Amino acid sequence: MAYATMREMPAVLKPRERLIQRGPSALRDHELLAVMLGSGIRGRHVLDLSAAILEQHPDGALARLGFRELQAIRGIGPAKACTLLAATELVRRWLREDDGALPIIASSQDAADQVPELRRAKKEHFLALYLNARNQLIAKETISVGTLTANLVHPREVFQPAISHSAASVLLVHNHPSGDPAPSPEDLALTQRLAAAGELMGIAVLDHVIVGDTTHVSLKDQGHL
């Protein structure tokens, strides 16, 4: 028998009541989604709506969608899209941080310690350290490898990985093969450009650390960020 609304459904069949009585493992995927959505749309029960959404976005694809993509799905408005995004982000953080093994980047020294290979590099390497909301390092990527005198970096190349890793902030690191970590005018201009791009995207650029052969310089500590 099909039920037009959740209210008409016997309690034993309602996903929320079943979750309370038997635990979340007793529910199927579309029933768990129905609990988060809370209600359907005119002419469509929330269980039917949830099943249809998961049929269109199977195998966890729904959890990989952004806000605009979620709220564009019929039956998921802005409020429900926010609920889904918050739930999936919590799960990602819990799974990633459960053992507390992720290193915390609390200073420019911590950042420099993550890239010891740069002190010996003969070419200029530009790296981004991606951090979560607790300043834990969740990813490290080489953005560009240049020459002894030049290294071109585009904001897109820095912030696309930040989005894919769900990073809360980014810390920039590059080396000076000459061994002198003093920032050049080009370094300062690039830092300001990336900081401005990060502000627009809501992903803070915490620092830009320049590594020399034995020392390093923090542009944040120097007042450039």
C-alpha atoms as a PDB file:
ATOM      1  CA  MET A   1       0.000   0.000   0.000  1.00  0.00           C
ATOM      2  CA  ALA A   2       1.321   3.448  -0.901  1.00  0.00           C
ATOM      3  CA  TYR A   3       0.997   6.263   1.608  1.00  0.00           C
ATOM      4  CA  ALA A   4       0.607   9.829   0.422  1.00  0.00           C
ATOM      5  CA  THR A   5       2.242  11.374   3.479  1.00  0.00           C
ATOM      6  CA  MET A   6       4.531  10.310   6.301  1.00  0.00           C
ATOM      7  CA  ARG A   7       1.710  11.008   8.758  1.00  0.00           C
ATOM      8  CA  GLU A   8      -0.479   8.329   7.163  1.00  0.00           C
ATOM      9  CA  MET A   9       2.260   5.711   7.415  1.00  0.00           C
ATOM     10  CA  PRO A  10       2.171   3.300  10.373  1.00  0.00           C
ATOM     11  CA  ALA A  11       4.851   4.084  12.947  1.00  0.00           C
ATOM     12  CA  VAL A  12       6.536   0.733  12.368  1.00  0.00           C
ATOM     13  CA  LEU A  13       7.292   1.783   8.785  1.00  0.00           C
ATOM     14  CA  LYS A  14       8.394   5.365   9.402  1.00  0.00           C
ATOM     15  CA  PRO A  15      12.161   5.673   8.934  1.00  0.00           C
ATOM     16  CA  ARG A  16      12.682   7.989  11.912  1.00  0.00           C
ATOM     17  CA  GLU A  17      10.813   5.694  14.277  1.00  0.00           C
ATOM     18  CA  ARG A  18      12.626   2.648  12.913  1.00  0.00           C
ATOM     19  CA  LEU A  19      15.951   4.422  13.395  1.00  0.00           C
ATOM     20  CA  ILE A  20      15.091   5.131  17.043  1.00  0.00           C
ATOM     21  CA  GLN A  21      13.903   1.604  17.722  1.00  0.00           C
ATOM     22  CA  ARG A  22      16.406  -0.424  15.704  1.00  0.00           C
ATOM     23  CA  GLY A  23      19.326   1.914  15.032  1.00  0.00           C
ATOM     24  CA  PRO A  24      20.529   3.530  11.787  1.00  0.00           C
ATOM     25  CA  SER A  25      22.036   0.300  10.446  1.00  0.00           C
ATOM     26  CA  ALA A  26      18.514  -1.094  10.040  1.00  0.00           C
ATOM     27  CA  LEU A  27      17.606   1.571   7.494  1.00  0.00           C
ATOM     28  CA  ARG A  28      18.315   1.474   3.794  1.00  0.00           C
ATOM     29  CA  ASP A  29      20.125   4.314   2.089  1.00  0.00           C
ATOM     30  CA  HIS A  30      17.022   6.067   0.817  1.00  0.00           C
ATOM     31  CA  GLU A  31      15.416   5.805   4.249  1.00  0.00           C
ATOM     32  CA  LEU A  32      18.435   7.478   5.865  1.00  0.00           C
ATOM     33  CA  LEU A  33      18.250  10.237   3.260  1.00  0.00           C
ATOM     34  CA  ALA A  34      14.518  10.603   3.965  1.00  0.00           C
ATOM     35  CA  VAL A  35      15.286  11.198   7.644  1.00  0.00           C
ATOM     36  CA  MET A  36      17.642  14.055   6.684  1.00  0.00           C
ATOM     37  CA  LEU A  37      15.251  15.573   4.146  1.00  0.00           C
ATOM     38  CA  GLY A  38      12.330  15.370   6.571  1.00  0.00           C
ATOM     39  CA  SER A  39       9.605  15.955   3.979  1.00  0.00           C
ATOM     40  CA  GLY A  40       8.792  15.344   0.376  1.00  0.00           C
ATOM     41  CA  ILE A  41       7.280  17.607  -2.232  1.00  0.00           C
ATOM     42  CA  ARG A  42       3.744  18.072  -3.447  1.00  0.00           C
ATOM     43  CA  GLY A  43       2.501  14.782  -4.834  1.00  0.00           C
ATOM     44  CA  ARG A  44       5.627  12.843  -3.856  1.00  0.00           C
ATOM     45  CA  HIS A  45       6.324  11.092  -0.571  1.00  0.00           C
ATOM     46  CA  VAL A  46       9.726  11.741   0.980  1.00  0.00           C
ATOM     47  CA  LEU A  47      10.684   8.054   0.689  1.00  0.00           C
ATOM     48  CA  ASP A  48       9.883   8.023  -3.026  1.00  0.00           C
ATOM     49  CA  LEU A  49      11.730  11.310  -3.475  1.00  0.00           C
ATOM     50  CA  SER A  50      14.811  10.001  -1.632  1.00  0.00           C
ATOM     51  CA  ALA A  51      14.863   6.795  -3.667  1.00  0.00           C
ATOM     52  CA  ALA A  52      14.666   8.798  -6.905  1.00  0.00           C
ATOM     53  CA  ILE A  53      17.480  11.140  -5.834  1.00  0.00           C
ATOM     54  CA  LEU A  54      19.789   8.242  -4.968  1.00  0.00           C
ATOM     55  CA  GLU A  55      18.934   6.505  -8.232  1.00  0.00           C
ATOM     56  CA  GLN A  56      20.127   9.615 -10.086  1.00  0.00           C
ATOM     57  CA  HIS A  57      23.207   9.986  -7.831  1.00  0.00           C
ATOM     58  CA  PRO A  58      24.288   6.455  -6.835  1.00  0.00           C
ATOM     59  CA  ASP A  59      27.359   5.137  -4.994  1.00  0.00           C
ATOM     60  CA  GLY A  60      27.955   8.185  -2.825  1.00  0.00           C
ATOM     61  CA  ALA A  61      27.795  10.675  -5.704  1.00  0.00           C
ATOM     62  CA  LEU A  62      25.351  12.823  -3.718  1.00  0.00           C
ATOM     63  CA  ALA A  63      28.027  13.438  -1.076  1.00  0.00           C
ATOM     64  CA  ARG A  64      30.355  14.845  -3.725  1.00  0.00           C
ATOM     65  CA  LEU A  65      27.979  17.545  -4.938  1.00  0.00           C
ATOM     66  CA  GLY A  66      28.335  21.200  -3.984  1.00  0.00           C
ATOM     67  CA  PHE A  67      25.646  23.563  -2.742  1.00  0.00           C
ATOM     68  CA  ARG A  68      24.504  24.778  -6.144  1.00  0.00           C
ATOM     69  CA  GLU A  69      24.272  21.242  -7.519  1.00  0.00           C
ATOM     70  CA  LEU A  70      22.345  19.972  -4.499  1.00  0.00           C
ATOM     71  CA  GLN A  71      19.805  22.764  -4.358  1.00  0.00           C
ATOM     72  CA  ALA A  72      19.178  22.353  -8.071  1.00  0.00           C
ATOM     73  CA  ILE A  73      17.776  18.846  -7.418  1.00  0.00           C
ATOM     74  CA  ARG A  74      13.979  18.878  -7.260  1.00  0.00           C
ATOM     75  CA  GLY A  75      13.011  18.378  -3.634  1.00  0.00           C
ATOM     76  CA  ILE A  76      16.267  19.742  -2.174  1.00  0.00           C
ATOM     77  CA  GLY A  77      16.097  23.459  -1.516  1.00  0.00           C
ATOM     78  CA  PRO A  78      18.771  25.660   0.056  1.00  0.00           C
ATOM     79  CA  ALA A  79      18.009  24.584   3.648  1.00  0.00           C
ATOM     80  CA  LYS A  80      18.115  20.863   2.862  1.00  0.00           C
ATOM     81  CA  ALA A  81      21.236  21.316   0.747  1.00  0.00           C
ATOM     82  CA  CYS A  82      22.941  22.927   3.745  1.00  0.00           C
ATOM     83  CA  THR A  83      21.849  20.045   5.977  1.00  0.00           C
ATOM     84  CA  LEU A  84      23.312  17.478   3.584  1.00  0.00           C
ATOM     85  CA  LEU A  85      26.567  19.400   3.149  1.00  0.00           C
ATOM     86  CA  ALA A  86      26.980  19.784   6.910  1.00  0.00           C
ATOM     87  CA  ALA A  87      26.313  16.078   7.505  1.00  0.00           C
ATOM     88  CA  THR A  88      28.758  14.864   4.864  1.00  0.00           C
ATOM     89  CA  GLU A  89      31.465  17.292   6.016  1.00  0.00           C
ATOM     90  CA  LEU A  90      31.148  16.078   9.617  1.00  0.00           C
ATOM     91  CA  VAL A  91      31.538  12.488   8.452  1.00  0.00           C
ATOM     92  CA  ARG A  92      34.615  13.385   6.384  1.00  0.00           C
ATOM     93  CA  ARG A  93      36.213  15.132   9.341  1.00  0.00           C
ATOM     94  CA  TRP A  94      35.457  12.329  11.782  1.00  0.00           C
ATOM     95  CA  LEU A  95      36.795   9.649   9.465  1.00  0.00           C
ATOM     96  CA  ARG A  96      39.895  11.668   8.649  1.00  0.00           C
ATOM     97  CA  GLU A  97      40.707  12.830  12.161  1.00  0.00           C
ATOM     98  CA  ASP A  98      39.598   9.931  14.323  1.00  0.00           C
ATOM     99  CA  ASP A  99      43.105   8.720  15.177  1.00  0.00           C
ATOM    100  CA  GLY A 100      44.522  12.224  15.723  1.00  0.00           C
ATOM    101  CA  ALA A 101      47.491  11.319  13.515  1.00  0.00           C
ATOM    102  CA  LEU A 102      47.296  14.363  11.266  1.00  0.00           C
ATOM    103  CA  PRO A 103      50.105  16.862  11.953  1.00  0.00           C
ATOM    104  CA  ILE A 104      49.136  20.291  13.253  1.00  0.00           C
ATOM    105  CA  ILE A 105      50.646  23.303  11.479  1.00  0.00           C
ATOM    106  CA  ALA A 106      50.784  25.985  14.159  1.00  0.00           C
ATOM    107  CA  SER A 107      53.836  27.971  13.028  1.00  0.00           C
ATOM    108  CA  SER A 108      56.066  28.727  10.059  1.00  0.00           C
ATOM    109  CA  GLN A 109      58.566  26.262  11.513  1.00  0.00           C
ATOM    110  CA  ASP A 110      55.920  23.523  11.400  1.00  0.00           C
ATOM    111  CA  ALA A 111      55.355  24.348   7.732  1.00  0.00           C
ATOM    112  CA  ALA A 112      59.071  24.333   6.915  1.00  0.00           C
ATOM    113  CA  ASP A 113      59.437  20.984   8.690  1.00  0.00           C
ATOM    114  CA  GLN A 114      56.921  19.482   6.249  1.00  0.00           C
ATOM    115  CA  VAL A 115      59.129  20.254   3.231  1.00  0.00           C
ATOM    116  CA  PRO A 116      62.723  19.340   4.159  1.00  0.00           C
ATOM    117  CA  GLU A 117      63.397  18.330   0.566  1.00  0.00           C
ATOM    118  CA  LEU A 118      63.132  21.950  -0.542  1.00  0.00           C
ATOM    119  CA  ARG A 119      66.331  22.943   1.257  1.00  0.00           C
ATOM    120  CA  ARG A 120      68.332  20.850  -1.216  1.00  0.00           C
ATOM    121  CA  ALA A 121      66.274  21.519  -4.349  1.00  0.00           C
ATOM    122  CA  LYS A 122      68.128  23.038  -7.297  1.00  0.00           C
ATOM    123  CA  LYS A 123      64.970  24.439  -8.823  1.00  0.00           C
ATOM    124  CA  GLU A 124      62.269  26.581  -7.294  1.00  0.00           C
ATOM    125  CA  HIS A 125      59.339  24.492  -6.032  1.00  0.00           C
ATOM    126  CA  PHE A 126      56.013  26.017  -5.013  1.00  0.00           C
ATOM    127  CA  LEU A 127      53.896  23.863  -2.690  1.00  0.00           C
ATOM    128  CA  ALA A 128      50.558  24.282  -0.947  1.00  0.00           C
ATOM    129  CA  LEU A 129      49.780  22.761   2.436  1.00  0.00           C
ATOM    130  CA  TYR A 130      46.036  22.227   2.847  1.00  0.00           C
ATOM    131  CA  LEU A 131      44.662  22.415   6.375  1.00  0.00           C
ATOM    132  CA  ASN A 132      41.360  21.575   8.001  1.00  0.00           C
ATOM    133  CA  ALA A 133      39.490  23.736  10.505  1.00  0.00           C
ATOM    134  CA  ARG A 134      41.809  22.496  13.269  1.00  0.00           C
ATOM    135  CA  ASN A 135      44.938  23.503  11.357  1.00  0.00           C
ATOM    136  CA  GLN A 136      45.757  19.851  10.723  1.00  0.00           C
ATOM    137  CA  LEU A 137      47.556  19.005   7.499  1.00  0.00           C
ATOM    138  CA  ILE A 138      45.223  17.019   5.261  1.00  0.00           C
ATOM    139  CA  ALA A 139      47.103  17.276   1.961  1.00  0.00           C
ATOM    140  CA  LYS A 140      50.314  18.600   0.431  1.00  0.00           C
ATOM    141  CA  GLU A 141      50.650  19.275  -3.271  1.00  0.00           C
ATOM    142  CA  THR A 142      53.360  20.617  -5.532  1.00  0.00           C
ATOM    143  CA  ILE A 143      51.772  23.413  -7.536  1.00  0.00           C
ATOM    144  CA  SER A 144      54.704  24.379  -9.725  1.00  0.00           C
ATOM    145  CA  VAL A 145      58.329  23.600 -10.400  1.00  0.00           C
ATOM    146  CA  GLY A 146      60.174  26.495 -11.989  1.00  0.00           C
ATOM    147  CA  THR A 147      63.719  27.487 -12.774  1.00  0.00           C
ATOM    148  CA  LEU A 148      66.383  29.021 -10.566  1.00  0.00           C
ATOM    149  CA  THR A 149      64.910  32.461 -11.144  1.00  0.00           C
ATOM    150  CA  ALA A 150      61.223  32.119 -11.982  1.00  0.00           C
ATOM    151  CA  ASN A 151      58.142  30.212 -10.910  1.00  0.00           C
ATOM    152  CA  LEU A 152      54.661  30.933 -12.264  1.00  0.00           C
ATOM    153  CA  VAL A 153      51.658  30.095 -10.093  1.00  0.00           C
ATOM    154  CA  HIS A 154      47.993  30.627 -10.976  1.00  0.00           C
ATOM    155  CA  PRO A 155      45.334  30.916  -8.213  1.00  0.00           C
ATOM    156  CA  ARG A 156      43.263  28.222  -9.910  1.00  0.00           C
ATOM    157  CA  GLU A 157      46.056  25.695  -9.433  1.00  0.00           C
ATOM    158  CA  VAL A 158      46.236  26.508  -5.732  1.00  0.00           C
ATOM    159  CA  PHE A 159      42.544  26.564  -4.878  1.00  0.00           C
ATOM    160  CA  GLN A 160      41.144  23.718  -6.986  1.00  0.00           C
ATOM    161  CA  PRO A 161      42.909  21.151  -4.759  1.00  0.00           C
ATOM    162  CA  ALA A 162      41.741  23.105  -1.701  1.00  0.00           C
ATOM    163  CA  ILE A 163      38.152  22.603  -2.798  1.00  0.00           C
ATOM    164  CA  SER A 164      38.633  18.916  -3.621  1.00  0.00           C
ATOM    165  CA  HIS A 165      40.233  18.306  -0.211  1.00  0.00           C
ATOM    166  CA  SER A 166      37.558  20.382   1.575  1.00  0.00           C
ATOM    167  CA  ALA A 167      40.357  22.455   3.083  1.00  0.00           C
ATOM    168  CA  ALA A 168      39.526  25.307   5.439  1.00  0.00           C
ATOM    169  CA  SER A 169      42.782  27.129   4.743  1.00  0.00           C
ATOM    170  CA  VAL A 170      46.004  26.890   2.792  1.00  0.00           C
ATOM    171  CA  LEU A 171      49.610  27.633   3.665  1.00  0.00           C
ATOM    172  CA  LEU A 172      52.016  28.422   0.840  1.00  0.00           C
ATOM    173  CA  VAL A 173      55.637  27.275   0.789  1.00  0.00           C
ATOM    174  CA  HIS A 174      58.386  27.711  -1.756  1.00  0.00           C
ATOM    175  CA  ASN A 175      62.157  27.614  -1.777  1.00  0.00           C
ATOM    176  CA  HIS A 176      64.919  29.903  -2.985  1.00  0.00           C
ATOM    177  CA  PRO A 177      67.634  27.716  -4.513  1.00  0.00           C
ATOM    178  CA  SER A 178      70.115  30.516  -3.880  1.00  0.00           C
ATOM    179  CA  GLY A 179      69.808  29.685  -0.184  1.00  0.00           C
ATOM    180  CA  ASP A 180      68.661  33.197   0.775  1.00  0.00           C
ATOM    181  CA  PRO A 181      64.989  33.136   1.866  1.00  0.00           C
ATOM    182  CA  ALA A 182      64.515  36.920   1.690  1.00  0.00           C
ATOM    183  CA  PRO A 183      61.303  37.615  -0.259  1.00  0.00           C
ATOM    184  CA  SER A 184      61.497  39.216  -3.671  1.00  0.00           C
ATOM    185  CA  PRO A 185      58.990  41.790  -4.957  1.00  0.00           C
ATOM    186  CA  GLU A 186      57.541  39.005  -7.116  1.00  0.00           C
ATOM    187  CA  ASP A 187      57.047  36.836  -4.021  1.00  0.00           C
ATOM    188  CA  LEU A 188      55.163  39.631  -2.270  1.00  0.00           C
ATOM    189  CA  ALA A 189      52.974  40.344  -5.305  1.00  0.00           C
ATOM    190  CA  LEU A 190      52.118  36.662  -5.723  1.00  0.00           C
ATOM    191  CA  THR A 191      51.269  36.345  -2.036  1.00  0.00           C
ATOM    192  CA  GLN A 192      48.851  39.271  -2.184  1.00  0.00           C
ATOM    193  CA  ARG A 193      47.263  37.894  -5.348  1.00  0.00           C
ATOM    194  CA  LEU A 194      46.674  34.472  -3.809  1.00  0.00           C
ATOM    195  CA  ALA A 195      45.475  35.939  -0.507  1.00  0.00           C
ATOM    196  CA  ALA A 196      42.904  38.042  -2.359  1.00  0.00           C
ATOM    197  CA  ALA A 197      41.722  35.006  -4.349  1.00  0.00           C
ATOM    198  CA  GLY A 198      41.437  32.988  -1.145  1.00  0.00           C
ATOM    199  CA  GLU A 199      39.377  35.709   0.514  1.00  0.00           C
ATOM    200  CA  LEU A 200      36.912  35.645  -2.370  1.00  0.00           C
ATOM    201  CA  MET A 201      36.603  31.859  -2.085  1.00  0.00           C
ATOM    202  CA  GLY A 202      36.406  31.746   1.694  1.00  0.00           C
ATOM    203  CA  ILE A 203      39.674  29.794   1.967  1.00  0.00           C
ATOM    204  CA  ALA A 204      42.209  31.724   4.026  1.00  0.00           C
ATOM    205  CA  VAL A 205      45.859  31.923   3.037  1.00  0.00           C
ATOM    206  CA  LEU A 206      47.465  31.606   6.473  1.00  0.00           C
ATOM    207  CA  ASP A 207      51.085  32.240   5.542  1.00  0.00           C
ATOM    208  CA  HIS A 208      53.673  32.080   2.810  1.00  0.00           C
ATOM    209  CA  VAL A 209      56.903  30.515   3.986  1.00  0.00           C
ATOM    210  CA  ILE A 210      60.074  30.891   1.929  1.00  0.00           C
ATOM    211  CA  VAL A 211      62.687  28.232   2.589  1.00  0.00           C
ATOM    212  CA  GLY A 212      66.439  28.763   2.220  1.00  0.00           C
ATOM    213  CA  ASP A 213      69.289  26.319   2.745  1.00  0.00           C
ATOM    214  CA  THR A 214      69.280  26.609   6.560  1.00  0.00           C
ATOM    215  CA  THR A 215      66.626  29.175   7.449  1.00  0.00           C
ATOM    216  CA  HIS A 216      63.160  30.276   6.380  1.00  0.00           C
ATOM    217  CA  VAL A 217      61.092  33.469   6.284  1.00  0.00           C
ATOM    218  CA  SER A 218      57.398  33.862   7.131  1.00  0.00           C
ATOM    219  CA  LEU A 219      55.626  36.583   5.186  1.00  0.00           C
ATOM    220  CA  LYS A 220      52.927  36.583   7.867  1.00  0.00           C
ATOM    221  CA  ASP A 221      55.495  37.277  10.555  1.00  0.00           C
ATOM    222  CA  GLN A 222      56.883  40.080   8.393  1.00  0.00           C
ATOM    223  CA  GLY A 223      53.430  41.685   8.187  1.00  0.00           C
ATOM    224  CA  HIS A 224      52.685  40.911   4.540  1.00  0.00           C
ATOM    225  CA  LEU A 225      49.597  38.818   5.405  1.00  0.00           C
END
